[in-house]
């Protein structure tokens, strides 16, 4: 087998179920197919699959997928598939962009469009089609047309092969410009007229009937393709409804509660006050109640400290200075300054507790640095993403009731 693990074989089985059924041709070998199918059948019997894998086991979804695959195959094989084939349409757009006309005369002379004889070929085809549709004989009515018809029939009478370049060379001895092009087109039309035997009214009738049958078949092919497309779109819409219903069925109360908490936390992190014009509104500064020389403005990364006689500076969130500010703004006392580590001695002497100091003293030893936390302080960790699926029900309920 080509699978290295059981999980790989099971995932291959789920991938193969995209068309509604497991088939041998979906796998590298028959042994792979049998092994993957056995794993799939066991999981289906025991319902041993995740919620996000459930869609690959639901009968309604699988039946819809099989129907979609069937309709897509019909659409590919149907005579009218050419009208909605994306590849064909892309090629057509590319040809048009390069100056070609894929629709002119049914595209029969598309390969000659850059040839100097393209205009004569298309004009000759128009003459022949008018003879068939009008049920009339081909008659030369001008000097150049008579010259062209006579030349073609003389060359045919010799039985020797010739091509369009020889016709142009012979007619070009006496005709030039538009007259030459018109005579060349009539010569090609005469050749086609004689080859198909269109001088006979009955033959023209047969050709006309064939053209009518082709037009009717083309019209029917377009209608069939439109019907298949409508069925396919309807089946895909039905499949989308199945998927929505499954999504509702697999959404538990726990999922709903977790999603609400996650949304609430995200809103708290992202909420930013705006002015009426839509611009960010400045957060008002708060004056230090213990020392009016200091005021603080909360920022996304911590606090901005404004002190008389100094430029404003930033205090990172989570640092000791930030925690001291938070205590002062909450009505408490500032954190005491850090104690220096005692010098090593045989008998250490206890260091007395320092007297409380105000917030100005607590900040005096702090050197502001917009890019890093104070010495001895680590950068505060980034807030962890909220993943309620890893929490117990008790933890989730406790968080929801905070």
Foldseek 3Di string as FASTA:
>chain_A
DPDPDLVVLQVLLLVCLQQLDQDQVSDPHVVSSVSSVVVVVVCLVVVVDDLVSCLSNDNVLSVLSNVLVVLVVCLVPFPLVCVVVPVNVVVCVVCVVVPFDCPQVVNPCRVCPVPPLSVLQSLLSVLLVCCLVVLHADDDDDPLLVVLLVVLVVVVVVVDDDDLVVSLVVSVVPDDDPSSSNSSSSNVNSVVCVVQVSNDSVSSPVVNVVVVVVVVVNVVSNVVSVVSVVVSVVSVVVSVVVVVVSVVVPCDPLNVLLVVLLVVVVCVLPDFDADPVRHGDFADWAAQPVDRQWIWGADNFAIWIHGPPDDIFDAGPPALLRVQVVQRVVVHAGDDADDDDDDDDPDDDDDDDDDGDHSVVNCPPFDGDRPAHGPPDHHDDDDDRRDSVPPDPVVSVVSSVD
